[in-house]
Structures are given as structure tokens and as C-alpha cells.
C-alpha atoms as a PDB file:
ATOM      1  CA  MET A   1       5.259   3.426 -20.080  1.00  0.00           C
ATOM      2  CA  PHE A   2       4.215   5.107 -23.197  1.00  0.00           C
ATOM      3  CA  VAL A   3       5.985   4.907 -25.695  1.00  0.00           C
ATOM      4  CA  CYS A   4       6.186   3.945 -35.812  1.00  0.00           C
ATOM      5  CA  ILE A   5       5.645   7.208 -37.284  1.00  0.00           C
ATOM      6  CA  THR A   6       3.111   6.934 -40.001  1.00  0.00           C
ATOM      7  CA  ALA A   7       3.634   8.692 -43.284  1.00  0.00           C
ATOM      8  CA  CYS A   8       0.820  10.978 -43.214  1.00  0.00           C
ATOM      9  CA  ALA A   9       1.114  14.762 -43.340  1.00  0.00           C
ATOM     10  CA  GLY A  10       0.863  16.624 -40.117  1.00  0.00           C
ATOM     11  CA  ILE A  11       2.619  13.923 -38.136  1.00  0.00           C
ATOM     12  CA  PRO A  12       5.448  15.589 -36.041  1.00  0.00           C
ATOM     13  CA  GLU A  13       9.010  14.590 -36.177  1.00  0.00           C
ATOM     14  CA  VAL A  14       9.831  12.722 -33.020  1.00  0.00           C
ATOM     15  CA  THR A  15      12.953  10.829 -33.782  1.00  0.00           C
ATOM     16  CA  GLY A  16      15.731  11.199 -31.334  1.00  0.00           C
ATOM     17  CA  ARG A  17      16.069  11.138 -27.481  1.00  0.00           C
ATOM     18  CA  TRP A  18      13.561  12.513 -25.107  1.00  0.00           C
ATOM     19  CA  ARG A  19      14.143  12.713 -21.311  1.00  0.00           C
ATOM     20  CA  GLN A  20      11.964  13.461 -18.253  1.00  0.00           C
ATOM     21  CA  PRO A  21      13.296  16.635 -16.697  1.00  0.00           C
ATOM     22  CA  GLY A  22      15.159  15.930 -13.299  1.00  0.00           C
ATOM     23  CA  LYS A  23      14.549  12.069 -13.698  1.00  0.00           C
ATOM     24  CA  ASN A  24      16.400   9.236 -15.344  1.00  0.00           C
ATOM     25  CA  ALA A  25      13.394   8.166 -17.390  1.00  0.00           C
ATOM     26  CA  SER A  26      13.914   8.490 -21.228  1.00  0.00           C
ATOM     27  CA  VAL A  27      12.595   7.373 -24.566  1.00  0.00           C
ATOM     28  CA  GLN A  28      14.384   7.174 -27.869  1.00  0.00           C
ATOM     29  CA  PHE A  29      12.397   7.118 -31.114  1.00  0.00           C
ATOM     30  CA  PHE A  30      14.209   5.814 -34.157  1.00  0.00           C
ATOM     31  CA  GLN A  31      13.237   6.434 -37.885  1.00  0.00           C
ATOM     32  CA  ASP A  32      12.517   2.845 -38.568  1.00  0.00           C
ATOM     33  CA  GLY A  33       9.427   3.148 -36.237  1.00  0.00           C
ATOM     34  CA  THR A  34      10.968   1.497 -33.197  1.00  0.00           C
ATOM     35  CA  PHE A  35      11.698   2.931 -29.729  1.00  0.00           C
ATOM     36  CA  ILE A  36      13.587   2.030 -26.482  1.00  0.00           C
ATOM     37  CA  ALA A  37      12.243   3.536 -23.209  1.00  0.00           C
ATOM     38  CA  VAL A  38      13.955   3.517 -19.888  1.00  0.00           C
ATOM     39  CA  ASP A  39      12.058   4.062 -16.650  1.00  0.00           C
ATOM     40  CA  ASN A  40      13.602   5.907 -13.519  1.00  0.00           C
ATOM     41  CA  GLN A  41      14.686   2.410 -12.060  1.00  0.00           C
ATOM     42  CA  GLY A  42      16.737   1.704 -15.261  1.00  0.00           C
ATOM     43  CA  MET A  43      14.337  -0.990 -16.540  1.00  0.00           C
ATOM     44  CA  ALA A  44      14.133  -0.953 -20.515  1.00  0.00           C
ATOM     45  CA  VAL A  45      11.439  -1.724 -22.830  1.00  0.00           C
ATOM     46  CA  ASN A  46      11.283  -1.608 -26.645  1.00  0.00           C
ATOM     47  CA  GLY A  47       8.945  -2.100 -29.482  1.00  0.00           C
ATOM     48  CA  LYS A  48       7.210  -0.041 -32.300  1.00  0.00           C
ATOM     49  CA  TYR A  49       5.493   3.294 -32.098  1.00  0.00           C
ATOM     50  CA  PHE A  50       2.738   4.922 -34.167  1.00  0.00           C
ATOM     51  CA  PHE A  51       2.149   8.640 -33.870  1.00  0.00           C
ATOM     52  CA  MET A  52      -1.134   9.339 -35.699  1.00  0.00           C
ATOM     53  CA  LYS A  53      -3.436  12.304 -36.607  1.00  0.00           C
ATOM     54  CA  LYS A  54      -5.514  13.995 -34.060  1.00  0.00           C
ATOM     55  CA  GLY A  55      -2.806  13.594 -31.530  1.00  0.00           C
ATOM     56  CA  ARG A  56      -3.284   9.845 -30.920  1.00  0.00           C
ATOM     57  CA  VAL A  57      -0.339   7.495 -30.134  1.00  0.00           C
ATOM     58  CA  ARG A  58       0.065   3.643 -30.034  1.00  0.00           C
ATOM     59  CA  PHE A  59       2.856   1.772 -28.672  1.00  0.00           C
ATOM     60  CA  GLU A  60       3.503  -2.082 -29.081  1.00  0.00           C
ATOM     61  CA  VAL A  61       5.830  -3.056 -26.442  1.00  0.00           C
ATOM     62  CA  GLU A  62       7.660  -6.319 -27.191  1.00  0.00           C
ATOM     63  CA  ARG A  63       7.441  -9.059 -24.564  1.00  0.00           C
ATOM     64  CA  PRO A  64       9.676 -12.121 -24.292  1.00  0.00           C
ATOM     65  CA  GLU A  65       6.679 -14.604 -24.474  1.00  0.00           C
ATOM     66  CA  GLY A  66       3.396 -13.878 -26.178  1.00  0.00           C
ATOM     67  CA  PRO A  67       2.032 -10.914 -28.203  1.00  0.00           C
ATOM     68  CA  PRO A  68       3.095  -7.389 -27.615  1.00  0.00           C
ATOM     69  CA  GLU A  69       1.485  -5.228 -24.993  1.00  0.00           C
ATOM     70  CA  ILE A  70      -0.451  -2.507 -26.638  1.00  0.00           C
ATOM     71  CA  ILE A  71      -0.563   0.900 -25.056  1.00  0.00           C
ATOM     72  CA  THR A  72      -2.573   3.833 -26.512  1.00  0.00           C
ATOM     73  CA  GLY A  73      -3.072   7.387 -25.556  1.00  0.00           C
ATOM     74  CA  THR A  74      -2.556  10.997 -26.926  1.00  0.00           C
ATOM     75  CA  TYR A  75       0.497  13.195 -27.438  1.00  0.00           C
ATOM     76  CA  VAL A  76       1.177  16.916 -27.667  1.00  0.00           C
ATOM     77  CA  ILE A  77       4.449  18.432 -28.759  1.00  0.00           C
ATOM     78  CA  GLU A  78       5.160  21.953 -27.626  1.00  0.00           C
ATOM     79  CA  GLY A  79       8.515  23.125 -28.848  1.00  0.00           C
ATOM     80  CA  ASN A  80      11.061  20.824 -27.254  1.00  0.00           C
ATOM     81  CA  ARG A  81       8.410  19.093 -24.989  1.00  0.00           C
ATOM     82  CA  LEU A  82       6.607  15.885 -25.557  1.00  0.00           C
ATOM     83  CA  ILE A  83       3.507  15.212 -23.409  1.00  0.00           C
ATOM     84  CA  LEU A  84       2.259  11.514 -23.448  1.00  0.00           C
ATOM     85  CA  THR A  85      -1.043  10.806 -21.806  1.00  0.00           C
ATOM     86  CA  ALA A  86      -2.383   7.336 -21.213  1.00  0.00           C
ATOM     87  CA  ALA A  87      -5.660   6.560 -22.836  1.00  0.00           C
ATOM     88  CA  ASP A  88      -7.476   6.585 -19.366  1.00  0.00           C
ATOM     89  CA  GLY A  89      -5.951  10.028 -18.736  1.00  0.00           C
ATOM     90  CA  GLU A  90      -4.388   8.890 -15.241  1.00  0.00           C
ATOM     91  CA  GLU A  91      -0.739   8.787 -16.242  1.00  0.00           C
ATOM     92  CA  VAL A  92       0.912  11.932 -17.860  1.00  0.00           C
ATOM     93  CA  ASP A  93       4.630  11.864 -18.865  1.00  0.00           C
ATOM     94  CA  VAL A  94       6.536  15.016 -19.934  1.00  0.00           C
ATOM     95  CA  TYR A  95       9.770  14.786 -21.810  1.00  0.00           C
ATOM     96  CA  GLU A  96      12.268  17.238 -23.320  1.00  0.00           C
ATOM     97  CA  LYS A  97      14.205  16.629 -26.487  1.00  0.00           C
ATOM     98  CA  THR A  98      17.905  16.122 -25.796  1.00  0.00           C
ATOM     99  CA  ASP A  99      20.924  16.512 -27.938  1.00  0.00           C
ATOM    100  CA  GLU A 100      22.418  13.093 -27.188  1.00  0.00           C
END
């Protein structure tokens, strides 16, 4: 699952909770550059996030043993929608910003 904002101009504000419409999956981005993501089965992962220029995103998912799992891809923010696409283009996740 996709999931640290850099201090560069042009990087969007993503902090807060985002939820997949009609599903239980969600991701919450914190101002300190960390995230918590929960899939539709309730399994949670956490780590660091980096939204970069040119629509690129990098997630470092913490693992109990060993180095973090690195997930890269692209992002698009359209109003209150966040679209994350895996680097291989095979997985696309759409989220909507919530007020929670």
C-alpha cells in the first residue's frame, strides 16, 4: 500500500486523514512526515512519506525486522481527492479527504 513532505515550494498539503470511498481503507499523514495506513481488512502499517516535485511519492514502510520497505509511485491531488499510483502503474488507489 502506498503511503515526509519535503519543504519544497509546490508540494501539496496532504496532512490529515484520507479514506477510500465506499471502503474501510484509509491513510493518515502527519506533519512530522509520518503516516499510518489501514487496508480494507484492518491491517495497519506505518512509516515515513515523501511527496516530491513532479508528482512523485516515496513511502518507507517500517518492518519489525530489517530495513523499511520502499514503495515509490506518483500522486495527483484533485480538490479533495488523492490518487496514488504504484511505480509499475498496476495499482491505483483513490482517497478522499475526511474531516475526522
